[in-house]
Amino acid sequence: TQFSAAVEADPNNASALNNLGQVLVRTGRAREAIPYFDRAIAVADNVWAYHFNRARAYAELKEWPRAIDGYTAAAKLFPDDYVTQFNLAKAQQAAGDLTGAIGAYGRAAALAPEQAEFQLWHGLALERGGRGAEAAAAYRRFLELEPNGSQAEKVKARLAQVGGGGTGGTAVTP
């Protein structure tokens, strides 16, 4: 209600437009949110968050090319944001661009080397891309970060399958 009132009071208030869009996405109304993000971007095209939030809305709608475009624009504005890179990778993978996803997962993992989840997703994408040795390295890094985590045994199994040691044979899907 407050954000709607702020937008009514000043239709060019980019922050209020963005915030209203975020509320709409969080309440399951991503389609309705997109025009607000579009207006926020029209007012302030250089704000990373507006591009990221619109991309997130498109991702909610599984409109992968538009989500990828939005995450790419956000990454240009804030190239060191690992969350943007990770979301870009997920959208690329969903769209069938495994090569792009591998690159973006790798950037996310490099920007946030302490994030075990990024190592896991990067390893899975590398493995799907037939890059077993690199996948094994990502899996080993995951296990360094979370040796006793809930996914550890499954990752050890993936590692064994790509020739990097470990035990078992259960597929992992984060």
C-alpha atoms as a PDB file:
ATOM      1  CA  THR A   1       0.000   0.000   0.000  1.00  0.00           C
ATOM      2  CA  GLN A   2       2.805   2.404   0.884  1.00  0.00           C
ATOM      3  CA  PHE A   3       4.702   1.677  -2.328  1.00  0.00           C
ATOM      4  CA  SER A   4       1.532   2.067  -4.413  1.00  0.00           C
ATOM      5  CA  ALA A   5       0.892   5.412  -2.720  1.00  0.00           C
ATOM      6  CA  ALA A   6       4.477   6.483  -3.373  1.00  0.00           C
ATOM      7  CA  VAL A   7       4.146   5.570  -7.057  1.00  0.00           C
ATOM      8  CA  GLU A   8       0.848   7.445  -7.309  1.00  0.00           C
ATOM      9  CA  ALA A   9       2.423  10.499  -5.670  1.00  0.00           C
ATOM     10  CA  ASP A  10       5.466  10.368  -7.958  1.00  0.00           C
ATOM     11  CA  PRO A  11       5.200   8.083 -11.007  1.00  0.00           C
ATOM     12  CA  ASN A  12       8.942   8.612 -11.610  1.00  0.00           C
ATOM     13  CA  ASN A  13      10.068   7.414  -8.181  1.00  0.00           C
ATOM     14  CA  ALA A  14      12.292   4.565  -9.377  1.00  0.00           C
ATOM     15  CA  SER A  15      12.864   3.204  -5.891  1.00  0.00           C
ATOM     16  CA  ALA A  16       9.130   3.001  -5.155  1.00  0.00           C
ATOM     17  CA  LEU A  17       8.493   1.398  -8.564  1.00  0.00           C
ATOM     18  CA  ASN A  18      11.165  -1.201  -7.877  1.00  0.00           C
ATOM     19  CA  ASN A  19       9.923  -1.868  -4.353  1.00  0.00           C
ATOM     20  CA  LEU A  20       6.332  -2.283  -5.546  1.00  0.00           C
ATOM     21  CA  GLY A  21       7.591  -4.715  -8.185  1.00  0.00           C
ATOM     22  CA  GLN A  22       9.447  -6.719  -5.545  1.00  0.00           C
ATOM     23  CA  VAL A  23       6.334  -6.981  -3.389  1.00  0.00           C
ATOM     24  CA  LEU A  24       4.350  -8.208  -6.379  1.00  0.00           C
ATOM     25  CA  VAL A  25       6.955 -10.878  -7.196  1.00  0.00           C
ATOM     26  CA  ARG A  26       7.030 -12.048  -3.580  1.00  0.00           C
ATOM     27  CA  THR A  27       3.260 -12.406  -3.583  1.00  0.00           C
ATOM     28  CA  GLY A  28       3.263 -14.523  -6.732  1.00  0.00           C
ATOM     29  CA  ARG A  29       2.387 -11.737  -9.143  1.00  0.00           C
ATOM     30  CA  ALA A  30       5.557 -11.575 -11.217  1.00  0.00           C
ATOM     31  CA  ARG A  31       3.734 -10.732 -14.451  1.00  0.00           C
ATOM     32  CA  GLU A  32       2.204  -7.651 -12.808  1.00  0.00           C
ATOM     33  CA  ALA A  33       5.604  -6.632 -11.407  1.00  0.00           C
ATOM     34  CA  ILE A  34       7.442  -6.394 -14.713  1.00  0.00           C
ATOM     35  CA  PRO A  35       5.943  -3.073 -15.869  1.00  0.00           C
ATOM     36  CA  TYR A  36       7.013  -1.493 -12.584  1.00  0.00           C
ATOM     37  CA  PHE A  37      10.570  -2.728 -13.056  1.00  0.00           C
ATOM     38  CA  ASP A  38      10.470  -1.488 -16.649  1.00  0.00           C
ATOM     39  CA  ARG A  39       9.451   1.968 -15.445  1.00  0.00           C
ATOM     40  CA  ALA A  40      12.138   1.985 -12.738  1.00  0.00           C
ATOM     41  CA  ILE A  41      14.757   1.086 -15.347  1.00  0.00           C
ATOM     42  CA  ALA A  42      13.451   3.777 -17.698  1.00  0.00           C
ATOM     43  CA  VAL A  43      13.982   6.332 -14.908  1.00  0.00           C
ATOM     44  CA  ALA A  44      17.343   4.976 -13.660  1.00  0.00           C
ATOM     45  CA  ASP A  45      18.919   2.559 -16.125  1.00  0.00           C
ATOM     46  CA  ASN A  46      22.202   2.422 -14.200  1.00  0.00           C
ATOM     47  CA  VAL A  47      20.829   0.732 -11.062  1.00  0.00           C
ATOM     48  CA  TRP A  48      21.874  -2.910 -10.810  1.00  0.00           C
ATOM     49  CA  ALA A  49      18.999  -3.915  -8.507  1.00  0.00           C
ATOM     50  CA  TYR A  50      16.295  -2.856 -10.953  1.00  0.00           C
ATOM     51  CA  HIS A  51      17.717  -5.064 -13.711  1.00  0.00           C
ATOM     52  CA  PHE A  52      18.297  -7.940 -11.279  1.00  0.00           C
ATOM     53  CA  ASN A  53      14.768  -7.758  -9.888  1.00  0.00           C
ATOM     54  CA  ARG A  54      13.186  -7.677 -13.334  1.00  0.00           C
ATOM     55  CA  ALA A  55      15.315 -10.673 -14.349  1.00  0.00           C
ATOM     56  CA  ARG A  56      14.144 -12.487 -11.232  1.00  0.00           C
ATOM     57  CA  ALA A  57      10.526 -11.809 -12.207  1.00  0.00           C
ATOM     58  CA  TYR A  58      11.158 -13.238 -15.671  1.00  0.00           C
ATOM     59  CA  ALA A  59      12.845 -16.259 -14.090  1.00  0.00           C
ATOM     60  CA  GLU A  60       9.763 -16.805 -11.913  1.00  0.00           C
ATOM     61  CA  LEU A  61       7.768 -16.898 -15.144  1.00  0.00           C
ATOM     62  CA  LYS A  62      10.339 -19.229 -16.758  1.00  0.00           C
ATOM     63  CA  GLU A  63      10.907 -16.699 -19.527  1.00  0.00           C
ATOM     64  CA  TRP A  64      14.569 -17.642 -19.750  1.00  0.00           C
ATOM     65  CA  PRO A  65      15.797 -15.405 -22.616  1.00  0.00           C
ATOM     66  CA  ARG A  66      14.417 -12.315 -20.871  1.00  0.00           C
ATOM     67  CA  ALA A  67      15.764 -13.461 -17.514  1.00  0.00           C
ATOM     68  CA  ILE A  68      19.190 -13.990 -19.092  1.00  0.00           C
ATOM     69  CA  ASP A  69      19.080 -10.528 -20.683  1.00  0.00           C
ATOM     70  CA  GLY A  70      18.211  -8.981 -17.320  1.00  0.00           C
ATOM     71  CA  TYR A  71      20.873 -10.834 -15.365  1.00  0.00           C
ATOM     72  CA  THR A  72      23.414  -9.970 -18.066  1.00  0.00           C
ATOM     73  CA  ALA A  73      22.519  -6.276 -17.784  1.00  0.00           C
ATOM     74  CA  ALA A  74      22.762  -6.485 -13.990  1.00  0.00           C
ATOM     75  CA  ALA A  75      26.147  -8.236 -14.236  1.00  0.00           C
ATOM     76  CA  LYS A  76      27.476  -5.439 -16.454  1.00  0.00           C
ATOM     77  CA  LEU A  77      26.491  -2.912 -13.789  1.00  0.00           C
ATOM     78  CA  PHE A  78      27.819  -4.980 -10.855  1.00  0.00           C
ATOM     79  CA  PRO A  79      30.239  -7.583 -12.220  1.00  0.00           C
ATOM     80  CA  ASP A  80      31.443  -8.693  -8.785  1.00  0.00           C
ATOM     81  CA  ASP A  81      28.021  -9.761  -7.529  1.00  0.00           C
ATOM     82  CA  TYR A  82      28.145 -13.530  -7.134  1.00  0.00           C
ATOM     83  CA  VAL A  83      24.364 -13.816  -6.701  1.00  0.00           C
ATOM     84  CA  THR A  84      23.801 -12.248 -10.116  1.00  0.00           C
ATOM     85  CA  GLN A  85      26.317 -14.634 -11.685  1.00  0.00           C
ATOM     86  CA  PHE A  86      24.712 -17.646  -9.995  1.00  0.00           C
ATOM     87  CA  ASN A  87      21.208 -16.644 -11.090  1.00  0.00           C
ATOM     88  CA  LEU A  88      22.481 -15.968 -14.611  1.00  0.00           C
ATOM     89  CA  ALA A  89      23.981 -19.466 -14.665  1.00  0.00           C
ATOM     90  CA  LYS A  90      20.743 -21.072 -13.488  1.00  0.00           C
ATOM     91  CA  ALA A  91      18.755 -19.202 -16.153  1.00  0.00           C
ATOM     92  CA  GLN A  92      21.254 -20.145 -18.860  1.00  0.00           C
ATOM     93  CA  GLN A  93      21.136 -23.783 -17.813  1.00  0.00           C
ATOM     94  CA  ALA A  94      17.327 -23.744 -17.816  1.00  0.00           C
ATOM     95  CA  ALA A  95      17.426 -22.247 -21.315  1.00  0.00           C
ATOM     96  CA  GLY A  96      19.740 -25.008 -22.522  1.00  0.00           C
ATOM     97  CA  ASP A  97      22.926 -22.933 -22.706  1.00  0.00           C
ATOM     98  CA  LEU A  98      25.250 -25.256 -20.816  1.00  0.00           C
ATOM     99  CA  THR A  99      28.402 -23.481 -22.007  1.00  0.00           C
ATOM    100  CA  GLY A 100      27.135 -20.129 -20.734  1.00  0.00           C
ATOM    101  CA  ALA A 101      25.986 -21.718 -17.491  1.00  0.00           C
ATOM    102  CA  ILE A 102      29.390 -23.302 -16.893  1.00  0.00           C
ATOM    103  CA  GLY A 103      31.040 -19.906 -17.313  1.00  0.00           C
ATOM    104  CA  ALA A 104      28.625 -18.095 -15.026  1.00  0.00           C
ATOM    105  CA  TYR A 105      28.742 -20.828 -12.362  1.00  0.00           C
ATOM    106  CA  GLY A 106      32.523 -20.588 -12.526  1.00  0.00           C
ATOM    107  CA  ARG A 107      32.418 -16.804 -12.055  1.00  0.00           C
ATOM    108  CA  ALA A 108      30.017 -17.161  -9.109  1.00  0.00           C
ATOM    109  CA  ALA A 109      32.285 -19.794  -7.521  1.00  0.00           C
ATOM    110  CA  ALA A 110      35.358 -17.595  -8.044  1.00  0.00           C
ATOM    111  CA  LEU A 111      33.626 -14.533  -6.579  1.00  0.00           C
ATOM    112  CA  ALA A 112      32.389 -16.467  -3.527  1.00  0.00           C
ATOM    113  CA  PRO A 113      34.812 -19.363  -3.043  1.00  0.00           C
ATOM    114  CA  GLU A 114      33.340 -20.103   0.398  1.00  0.00           C
ATOM    115  CA  GLN A 115      29.912 -20.899  -1.084  1.00  0.00           C
ATOM    116  CA  ALA A 116      29.830 -24.697  -1.305  1.00  0.00           C
ATOM    117  CA  GLU A 117      26.568 -24.664  -3.262  1.00  0.00           C
ATOM    118  CA  PHE A 118      28.240 -22.749  -6.101  1.00  0.00           C
ATOM    119  CA  GLN A 119      30.978 -25.386  -6.284  1.00  0.00           C
ATOM    120  CA  LEU A 120      28.364 -28.118  -6.472  1.00  0.00           C
ATOM    121  CA  TRP A 121      26.325 -26.499  -9.242  1.00  0.00           C
ATOM    122  CA  HIS A 122      29.510 -25.679 -11.150  1.00  0.00           C
ATOM    123  CA  GLY A 123      30.674 -29.282 -10.830  1.00  0.00           C
ATOM    124  CA  LEU A 124      27.347 -30.648 -12.026  1.00  0.00           C
ATOM    125  CA  ALA A 125      27.352 -28.365 -15.063  1.00  0.00           C
ATOM    126  CA  LEU A 126      30.964 -29.261 -15.861  1.00  0.00           C
ATOM    127  CA  GLU A 127      30.135 -32.932 -15.578  1.00  0.00           C
ATOM    128  CA  ARG A 128      27.139 -32.551 -17.904  1.00  0.00           C
ATOM    129  CA  GLY A 129      29.446 -30.784 -20.315  1.00  0.00           C
ATOM    130  CA  GLY A 130      31.848 -33.718 -20.367  1.00  0.00           C
ATOM    131  CA  ARG A 131      34.541 -31.912 -18.400  1.00  0.00           C
ATOM    132  CA  GLY A 132      35.150 -34.582 -15.769  1.00  0.00           C
ATOM    133  CA  ALA A 133      38.518 -33.414 -14.452  1.00  0.00           C
ATOM    134  CA  GLU A 134      37.211 -29.894 -13.861  1.00  0.00           C
ATOM    135  CA  ALA A 135      34.017 -31.294 -12.314  1.00  0.00           C
ATOM    136  CA  ALA A 136      36.142 -33.396  -9.967  1.00  0.00           C
ATOM    137  CA  ALA A 137      38.021 -30.278  -8.854  1.00  0.00           C
ATOM    138  CA  ALA A 138      34.739 -28.472  -8.112  1.00  0.00           C
ATOM    139  CA  TYR A 139      33.418 -31.496  -6.217  1.00  0.00           C
ATOM    140  CA  ARG A 140      36.629 -31.696  -4.165  1.00  0.00           C
ATOM    141  CA  ARG A 141      36.304 -28.005  -3.308  1.00  0.00           C
ATOM    142  CA  PHE A 142      32.682 -28.590  -2.243  1.00  0.00           C
ATOM    143  CA  LEU A 143      33.825 -31.413   0.048  1.00  0.00           C
ATOM    144  CA  GLU A 144      36.536 -29.189   1.544  1.00  0.00           C
ATOM    145  CA  LEU A 145      33.833 -26.667   2.419  1.00  0.00           C
ATOM    146  CA  GLU A 146      31.148 -29.118   3.576  1.00  0.00           C
ATOM    147  CA  PRO A 147      32.783 -32.453   4.379  1.00  0.00           C
ATOM    148  CA  ASN A 148      29.843 -33.521   6.542  1.00  0.00           C
ATOM    149  CA  GLY A 149      27.054 -31.639   4.792  1.00  0.00           C
ATOM    150  CA  SER A 150      23.799 -33.223   3.694  1.00  0.00           C
ATOM    151  CA  GLN A 151      25.061 -33.542   0.102  1.00  0.00           C
ATOM    152  CA  ALA A 152      28.560 -34.833   0.959  1.00  0.00           C
ATOM    153  CA  GLU A 153      27.918 -38.528   0.292  1.00  0.00           C
ATOM    154  CA  LYS A 154      26.211 -37.786  -3.000  1.00  0.00           C
ATOM    155  CA  VAL A 155      29.071 -35.526  -4.041  1.00  0.00           C
ATOM    156  CA  LYS A 156      31.565 -38.270  -3.159  1.00  0.00           C
ATOM    157  CA  ALA A 157      29.579 -40.551  -5.461  1.00  0.00           C
ATOM    158  CA  ARG A 158      29.722 -37.973  -8.288  1.00  0.00           C
ATOM    159  CA  LEU A 159      33.444 -37.623  -7.674  1.00  0.00           C
ATOM    160  CA  ALA A 160      33.909 -41.383  -8.001  1.00  0.00           C
ATOM    161  CA  GLN A 161      31.940 -41.396 -11.260  1.00  0.00           C
ATOM    162  CA  VAL A 162      34.096 -38.710 -12.842  1.00  0.00           C
ATOM    163  CA  GLY A 163      37.263 -40.443 -11.697  1.00  0.00           C
ATOM    164  CA  GLY A 164      38.203 -38.292  -8.768  1.00  0.00           C
ATOM    165  CA  GLY A 165      37.789 -40.714  -5.860  1.00  0.00           C
ATOM    166  CA  GLY A 166      34.888 -41.075  -3.447  1.00  0.00           C
ATOM    167  CA  THR A 167      32.394 -43.850  -2.925  1.00  0.00           C
ATOM    168  CA  GLY A 168      28.913 -44.859  -3.956  1.00  0.00           C
ATOM    169  CA  GLY A 169      26.879 -44.057  -7.043  1.00  0.00           C
ATOM    170  CA  THR A 170      23.913 -41.812  -6.192  1.00  0.00           C
ATOM    171  CA  ALA A 171      23.045 -38.885  -8.401  1.00  0.00           C
ATOM    172  CA  VAL A 172      22.853 -35.471  -6.771  1.00  0.00           C
ATOM    173  CA  THR A 173      20.390 -32.770  -7.691  1.00  0.00           C
ATOM    174  CA  PRO A 174      20.698 -29.573  -5.668  1.00  0.00           C
END
